[in-house]
Amino acid sequence: MAPPFLIRHVATTVILLALALAPGAAAAWDLPWTDGEVALDVTDTFTYTYFFNNDPREYLPNQRDDQLDRLHDDKFHQIFNKLDVTLSMGEVRVGARLDLHLFADTPFAQHCGADKPPSWCKPEFAHIRYNNTFAAEQLYLLITRPSFDLTLGDFYASFGKGIALHVVQLDEVGQDTTIRGGKMHIHQGNLGFIFLAGVFNALELDKLSGYDAPWADEPVLGARLEYRVLDAAILGAHTVWVLREDSSKTSDAEHDAIWGVGFDVPDLWDGLLSLSGELNFRQTVAGGELVRGPGREGEGLDGVAAYASATLNVWDLTALAEFKYYNEFALISVDERPYSHMYHLPPTLDRKKAEIKEGNSDVTGFRLGLDYALGELGPVELVLMANYGYFESWERETEVFPADYSIHSAYGGFELSWAEGTGQLNANAGMRRMHDNINDELFHDVVHLEVSVDQAFGNHGIGARFLLLDKAFRVVMLNEWQELEASLSYSWSPYLTVSLTYERQEDPSLEPEPLNLFGASIRGYITGATYVNLRIGENRAGVKCLNGICRQVPAFSGVEATLVVRY
């Protein structure tokens, strides 16, 4: 018999679907005992997945390849339900996110009770994967007034362009972290002040891999003061204090302290120029001693992060210049879990999808970018872009494993549109090359080519995407391989979307032989906010990156059905 909470969730989904399809259904009411409108926003996402024979070399922390088995990630069922509820009553808003995970006929259940279980049937793994869970992942109360905003519960926060603190949702890489506690934002004229306190609250279960992630409740305190000067510039100062994991087990608590200042000048010369800058310092105290940061004897100026940018708009030309200098500004994160729990994210200055092999804590360099809009050229409009960056990185520089890299990153492309924007062609290509200066050899090299084209015909449209990555990476020897992604799509707005995908995987560290992977998906819209999505086929394993955050994503082979209902 199904668990009671599963029955409740299925019943809730059915009720919400009925409400969403009901003609004239409304989610806002004027009530006599309130000063404003009462609005209810409910979104339920229900996903059922059945895994076929999957790629055995999916990511498993601290596990050797010879301990993996072909049955480790195959032939099981997974149910995931996410219920988001928000109730707004004038100046007050309350919300919750409730997650349900159910697994059936898992590899552990199939094989670990046998007389001769596979090598991966270890007690230390049995309790961290494929666990049925039901959790209130996020709960919050928000009060919005003209002079202040108060949040109790879960909230996102970012200080100093992410250098000092960056706790946000990054679904593309499987991360959604909040701070559970309280945040007060006071805004009086040109003055703004934010104070926050709580503990980091990451998702309890990683949906992509099925692993539990029992994060430690690490406390955090933060404050930021901002002042607007003459309606032209914003000056800010902030500080963040983090109590490190397991510090309660020691007599002297380990903690990190970050403080910094910054400025933003968003509008100079009638919008032609904008300027921005940040300077941050970080200290780490462990065992009662300063182990990183300004003030440590004999180590110079470490624990520093400086960032600056300038944007110039002249006629049809936009120029961007960025600079960064991070010295021993190590990211505060926990990596011994299915995915990294990030506390902050300094700007990388790289392409959003670029794989950052050297990290982003001991590096200096700049990037220059140009966009030029040529305007109408007969029946088409054309925009050209070019970008180049140069960096020096001394990541992991120690006496045992010294490192010294020179990095060149360049790419360019164009955007072409026609027929009043109903047709578009975007293309860009470039490379990111790391040279090992100590051994005088190539360390990491990625060449990319990305093309997309879309054409609309009234309510119908077709599109195509193509991405080719040519990679080389040296561990002991230099390995070279290619990764390819291609897709075709058709849309009938607002009713239907169909897409076909093809991927090729040649990474020798993941598969001894190249893999050709095919997939298809179809999405049907019942209403504008309610739809059903069906996906079947395969997706390659590999590194997926967004804004410098990368994680090893496991391969997928199976069928997945998703129902999203919003009311």
Foldseek 3Di string as FASTA:
>chain_A
DDDPVVVVLVVVVVVLVVLQLDPPRAFWDDDPVAPDIKGKKKKKKKKKWFFAQFQQPFDDFPDDPVQTDSQQFHGKMKIKMWMWIWIDGVQKIKIWIKIWIAIGPHSCVVFLVDPDGGSVSDPVQPPFFRDTDIDGQWIWMWGDDPFKIKIATWDFDAPPQQLQFGQADDVLFQWHKTFHGMKMWGDDPQKIKIKDKGFIGIDQARPQGRGGDPDDRKIKIKMKIWGQDPVFKIKMKMKMKIFDPPLVVDPDTKIKIKIWIKMWGQDDPRRFKIKIKIKMFMWIADPNHTDFTPPDPPPPGARIKIKMKMWGDDDQKIKIKIWIAAGNVDWPWDPSGQFIDGGGADFPPAPFFDADPQADHGKTWMKMKMKGWPQDDDFKTKIKMKMKMWMWGFGPDDPVDTFIKIKIWIKIWMWMAGPVRQKIKTKMWIKIWIATPVVRGTAKIKIKIKIKIKHDDVQKIKMKIKMKIWIWHDDPHIDTDIKIKMKIWMGRPPFKIKMKIWIWDDPCVSPVHIDIWIKIKMKGAPDNFKIKMKIAIKDDWDWGGGSNGIGTRTIGHTIMIMIMRMD
